[in-house]
């Protein structure tokens, strides 16, 4: 007999997964709701075992500012090329995956409605970066907002979906409406570094009169040049935030 709200929710979740099974975040194939292991029936995984090998996580050494992996001749440097010549407004950043190994997954998560991928992303985040993030003293998680019209067209903000799952697993509160996007900016992929920064000027505003949280973690899907994070960090610092970190699913190449 079901006695608690959590048990009822668990039953509904299992029924939903049987009727609408999840998808592997790498190959997009259907996942098994249940698996037999050591003669026992257990819940299925969030990713196919063969697909785990296809993902590349960001590994040390990394840039001490943006967290981009440093390889080859750059391995002994403290900063990547971009952070050596750019004054970023955040304190430090962390990313989970190398972009090229997960780009297709993020595309489906972002544009094709695969919101269930966020469960795997968040669990991987806790396993790989949980201890690092837990000692930073983060008061609040803030996802990068989308322009309201775009949210209506897409149906969701992928950064918010990911941030919510991370918030739940790391037990850090999240606020999706602290920062608003005030104008519909151009697609960033078509712009160079200067164009990205000009594109984002005054694109964000704080929706409250004051920010009581002093240490904030900004969450987005991809980090490339840092223009978006910098513009948000600028707004948050003006509102009173003292420490600003960021977390993204993947980090792109230096441009």
Protein backbone atom coordinates (compact mmCIF):
# COMPACT_ATOMS: atom_id res chain seq x y z
CA UNK A 1 0.00 0.00 0.00
CA UNK A 2 1.33 3.44 -0.90
CA UNK A 3 1.70 5.65 2.15
CA UNK A 4 3.66 8.70 1.08
CA UNK A 5 3.76 11.35 -1.63
CA UNK A 6 7.24 10.27 -2.71
CA UNK A 7 6.13 6.66 -3.21
CA UNK A 8 3.16 7.79 -5.30
CA UNK A 9 5.41 10.01 -7.42
CA UNK A 10 7.86 7.13 -7.91
CA UNK A 11 5.07 4.85 -9.15
CA UNK A 12 3.82 7.48 -11.61
CA UNK A 13 7.39 8.07 -12.82
CA UNK A 14 7.94 4.35 -13.46
CA UNK A 15 4.61 4.06 -15.31
CA UNK A 16 5.53 7.09 -17.41
CA UNK A 17 8.93 5.59 -18.26
CA UNK A 18 7.30 2.31 -19.33
CA UNK A 19 4.83 4.11 -21.60
CA UNK A 20 7.34 6.75 -22.75
CA UNK A 21 10.82 5.26 -22.31
CA UNK A 22 13.77 7.63 -22.09
CA UNK A 23 16.41 8.16 -24.75
CA UNK A 24 20.16 7.71 -24.56
CA UNK A 25 21.80 11.17 -24.51
CA UNK A 26 24.51 10.02 -26.92
CA UNK A 27 22.88 7.83 -29.59
CA UNK A 28 19.26 8.83 -28.87
CA UNK A 29 18.25 5.18 -28.80
CA UNK A 30 15.51 3.96 -26.48
CA UNK A 31 16.63 3.08 -22.93
CA UNK A 32 15.44 0.05 -20.99
CA UNK A 33 13.20 1.02 -18.09
CA UNK A 34 14.35 -2.09 -16.24
CA UNK A 35 17.43 -4.32 -16.50
CA UNK A 36 18.31 -7.72 -15.05
CA UNK A 37 21.60 -7.64 -13.15
CA UNK A 38 22.92 -10.52 -11.02
CA UNK A 39 19.55 -12.19 -11.25
CA UNK A 40 17.71 -9.14 -9.94
CA UNK A 41 15.47 -6.65 -11.70
CA UNK A 42 16.80 -3.11 -11.41
CA UNK A 43 16.00 0.28 -12.86
CA UNK A 44 17.63 0.89 -16.21
CA UNK A 45 20.43 3.38 -16.73
CA UNK A 46 20.34 6.89 -18.16
CA UNK A 47 22.78 6.08 -20.96
CA UNK A 48 23.74 2.99 -22.98
CA UNK A 49 26.90 1.36 -21.65
CA UNK A 50 28.58 1.40 -25.06
CA UNK A 51 27.83 5.10 -25.43
CA UNK A 52 29.57 6.09 -22.21
CA UNK A 53 32.89 5.43 -23.94
CA UNK A 54 32.10 7.99 -26.65
CA UNK A 55 31.92 10.93 -24.25
CA UNK A 56 35.04 12.94 -23.37
CA UNK A 57 34.99 14.78 -20.07
CA UNK A 58 37.08 17.89 -19.54
CA UNK A 59 40.27 16.73 -17.86
CA UNK A 60 43.16 18.39 -16.07
CA UNK A 61 45.13 20.46 -16.72
CA UNK A 62 42.58 23.21 -17.31
CA UNK A 63 42.64 26.98 -17.55
CA UNK A 64 42.34 28.33 -13.99
CA UNK A 65 39.85 30.94 -15.20
CA UNK A 66 37.39 29.41 -17.70
CA UNK A 67 38.12 25.72 -17.09
CA UNK A 68 38.96 24.94 -20.72
CA UNK A 69 41.21 21.88 -21.09
CA UNK A 70 44.86 22.69 -21.85
CA UNK A 71 46.64 20.33 -24.21
CA UNK A 72 49.96 19.97 -26.00
CA UNK A 73 52.22 23.01 -25.73
CA UNK A 74 49.61 24.78 -23.57
CA UNK A 75 49.50 22.08 -20.89
CA UNK A 76 51.94 23.92 -18.61
CA UNK A 77 50.16 27.27 -18.83
CA UNK A 78 47.84 28.66 -16.15
CA UNK A 79 45.51 30.39 -18.61
CA UNK A 80 44.22 29.43 -22.03
CA UNK A 81 44.93 31.79 -24.92
CA UNK A 82 41.55 33.49 -24.62
CA UNK A 83 41.79 34.16 -20.88
CA UNK A 84 45.36 35.41 -21.29
CA UNK A 85 44.13 38.32 -23.41
CA UNK A 86 40.58 38.84 -22.14
CA UNK A 87 39.48 40.29 -18.81
CA UNK A 88 36.50 38.17 -17.84
CA UNK A 89 34.03 39.43 -15.24
CA UNK A 90 33.31 36.10 -13.55
CA UNK A 91 35.58 34.51 -10.93
CA UNK A 92 35.95 31.02 -12.35
CA UNK A 93 34.23 28.53 -14.60
CA UNK A 94 33.70 24.78 -14.85
CA UNK A 95 32.49 22.61 -17.73
CA UNK A 96 31.63 18.94 -17.88
CA UNK A 97 32.24 17.72 -21.44
CA UNK A 98 34.52 18.48 -24.34
CA UNK A 99 32.15 20.04 -26.84
CA UNK A 100 32.93 17.94 -29.91
CA UNK A 101 32.15 14.68 -28.11
CA UNK A 102 28.69 15.79 -26.99
CA UNK A 103 27.62 18.40 -29.57
CA UNK A 104 24.94 16.22 -31.16
CA UNK A 105 23.44 15.43 -27.77
CA UNK A 106 23.29 19.09 -26.77
CA UNK A 107 21.70 19.99 -30.12
CA UNK A 108 18.86 17.50 -29.51
CA UNK A 109 18.53 18.65 -25.90
CA UNK A 110 18.32 22.26 -27.04
CA UNK A 111 16.23 22.09 -30.21
CA UNK A 112 14.50 18.69 -30.42
CA UNK A 113 12.75 18.42 -27.07
CA UNK A 114 15.02 15.83 -25.45
CA UNK A 115 14.60 17.32 -21.99
CA UNK A 116 15.12 13.90 -20.39
CA UNK A 117 18.83 14.13 -21.20
CA UNK A 118 19.09 16.56 -18.27
CA UNK A 119 18.85 13.64 -15.82
CA UNK A 120 22.07 12.15 -17.15
CA UNK A 121 23.78 15.53 -17.46
CA UNK A 122 23.00 16.40 -13.84
CA UNK A 123 24.09 13.05 -12.43
CA UNK A 124 27.34 13.27 -14.37
CA UNK A 125 27.81 16.80 -13.05
CA UNK A 126 27.42 15.66 -9.45
CA UNK A 127 29.81 12.76 -9.93
CA UNK A 128 32.54 14.74 -11.71
CA UNK A 129 32.18 18.25 -10.29
CA UNK A 130 29.99 17.87 -7.21
CA UNK A 131 32.81 18.01 -4.65
CA UNK A 132 34.45 20.98 -6.39
CA UNK A 133 31.23 22.99 -6.53
CA UNK A 134 30.21 22.15 -2.96
CA UNK A 135 33.18 23.98 -1.39
CA UNK A 136 32.62 27.25 -3.25
CA UNK A 137 29.90 28.48 -0.91
CA UNK A 138 27.31 28.89 -3.68
CA UNK A 139 24.10 30.53 -2.42
CA UNK A 140 22.07 30.38 -5.61
CA UNK A 141 22.01 28.83 -9.08
CA UNK A 142 20.87 31.10 -11.92
CA UNK A 143 20.31 29.71 -15.44
CA UNK A 144 21.06 31.93 -18.43
CA UNK A 145 17.63 33.26 -19.48
CA UNK A 146 16.15 33.17 -22.95
CA UNK A 147 14.17 35.92 -24.60
CA UNK A 148 10.48 35.27 -23.70
CA UNK A 149 9.40 34.91 -27.35
CA UNK A 150 12.03 32.23 -27.92
CA UNK A 151 10.87 30.32 -24.85
CA UNK A 152 7.33 30.31 -26.20
CA UNK A 153 8.54 29.10 -29.60
CA UNK A 154 10.77 26.33 -28.21
CA UNK A 155 8.62 25.47 -25.23
CA UNK A 156 11.43 25.50 -22.66
CA UNK A 157 14.80 26.96 -21.75
CA UNK A 158 17.41 24.18 -21.88
CA UNK A 159 19.71 25.98 -19.41
CA UNK A 160 16.85 26.16 -16.91
CA UNK A 161 16.03 22.45 -17.32
CA UNK A 162 19.66 21.50 -16.66
CA UNK A 163 19.99 23.99 -13.78
CA UNK A 164 16.89 22.62 -12.06
CA UNK A 165 18.28 19.08 -12.06
CA UNK A 166 21.67 20.24 -10.77
CA UNK A 167 19.91 22.27 -8.08
CA UNK A 168 18.03 19.20 -6.89
CA UNK A 169 21.08 16.92 -6.79
CA UNK A 170 23.46 19.43 -5.16
CA UNK A 171 20.79 20.83 -2.83
CA UNK A 172 21.44 24.43 -3.88
CA UNK A 173 18.43 26.71 -4.53
CA UNK A 174 17.75 27.88 -8.07
CA UNK A 175 16.02 31.04 -9.27
CA UNK A 176 15.05 31.17 -12.93
CA UNK A 177 13.60 34.70 -12.86
CA UNK A 178 16.30 36.66 -11.05
CA UNK A 179 17.79 37.75 -14.37
CA UNK A 180 15.69 38.57 -17.41
CA UNK A 181 16.61 38.83 -21.08
CA UNK A 182 15.47 42.20 -22.33
CA UNK A 183 15.96 41.83 -26.07
CA UNK A 184 16.13 39.17 -28.74
CA UNK A 185 19.84 38.93 -29.56
CA UNK A 186 21.28 37.54 -32.79
CA UNK A 187 22.44 33.88 -32.94
CA UNK A 188 25.92 33.84 -31.37
CA UNK A 189 27.34 31.15 -33.66
CA UNK A 190 27.43 33.60 -36.56
CA UNK A 191 29.42 36.31 -34.72
CA UNK A 192 33.09 36.84 -33.89
CA UNK A 193 34.28 37.73 -30.37
CA UNK A 194 33.66 41.49 -30.72
CA UNK A 195 30.32 40.88 -32.38
CA UNK A 196 29.22 38.59 -29.55
CA UNK A 197 30.06 41.19 -26.92
CA UNK A 198 28.28 44.00 -28.79
CA UNK A 199 25.32 41.71 -29.39
CA UNK A 200 24.89 41.13 -25.66
CA UNK A 201 25.30 44.66 -24.35
CA UNK A 202 22.40 45.50 -22.05
CA UNK A 203 20.72 42.20 -22.98
CA UNK A 204 20.11 41.24 -19.33
CA UNK A 205 18.54 42.99 -16.39
CA UNK A 206 17.99 42.10 -12.74
CA UNK A 207 14.31 41.54 -11.99
CA UNK A 208 14.63 42.47 -8.31
CA UNK A 209 15.73 45.64 -6.55
CA UNK A 210 18.54 43.92 -4.68
CA UNK A 211 20.39 40.62 -4.80
CA UNK A 212 20.81 39.15 -1.32
CA UNK A 213 22.80 36.19 -2.58
CA UNK A 214 26.54 36.87 -2.56
CA UNK A 215 27.87 33.76 -4.34
CA UNK A 216 26.10 32.79 -7.56
CA UNK A 217 26.56 29.93 -10.02
CA UNK A 218 25.45 30.78 -13.57
CA UNK A 219 24.45 27.74 -15.62
CA UNK A 220 24.34 27.49 -19.42
CA UNK A 221 24.68 24.76 -22.04
CA UNK A 222 27.87 25.79 -23.90
CA UNK A 223 30.81 28.09 -23.16
CA UNK A 224 32.72 29.44 -26.15
CA UNK A 225 34.10 32.96 -25.62
CA UNK A 226 32.42 33.81 -22.33
CA UNK A 227 30.50 36.82 -23.69
CA UNK A 228 27.15 35.67 -22.30
CA UNK A 229 28.55 34.80 -18.87
CA UNK A 230 30.45 38.09 -18.68
CA UNK A 231 27.37 40.17 -19.47
CA UNK A 232 25.33 38.34 -16.84
CA UNK A 233 28.17 38.63 -14.33
CA UNK A 234 28.30 42.37 -14.95
CA UNK A 235 24.59 42.74 -14.14
CA UNK A 236 24.82 40.53 -11.05
CA UNK A 237 27.83 42.36 -9.65
CA UNK A 238 26.08 45.70 -10.08
CA UNK A 239 23.19 44.23 -8.05
CA UNK A 240 25.44 43.17 -5.19
CA UNK A 241 26.80 39.70 -5.97
CA UNK A 242 30.41 39.26 -4.78
CA UNK A 243 31.45 35.89 -6.20
CA UNK A 244 30.28 34.60 -9.57
CA UNK A 245 31.09 31.17 -10.99
CA UNK A 246 29.70 29.42 -14.02
CA UNK A 247 28.94 25.84 -14.99
CA UNK A 248 28.25 24.66 -18.54
CA UNK A 249 27.59 21.27 -20.05
CA UNK A 250 30.35 21.70 -22.62
CA UNK A 251 33.16 24.06 -23.43
CA UNK A 252 34.00 25.00 -26.98
CA UNK A 253 37.22 25.86 -28.71
CA UNK A 254 39.11 29.09 -28.14
CA UNK A 255 38.25 31.63 -30.83
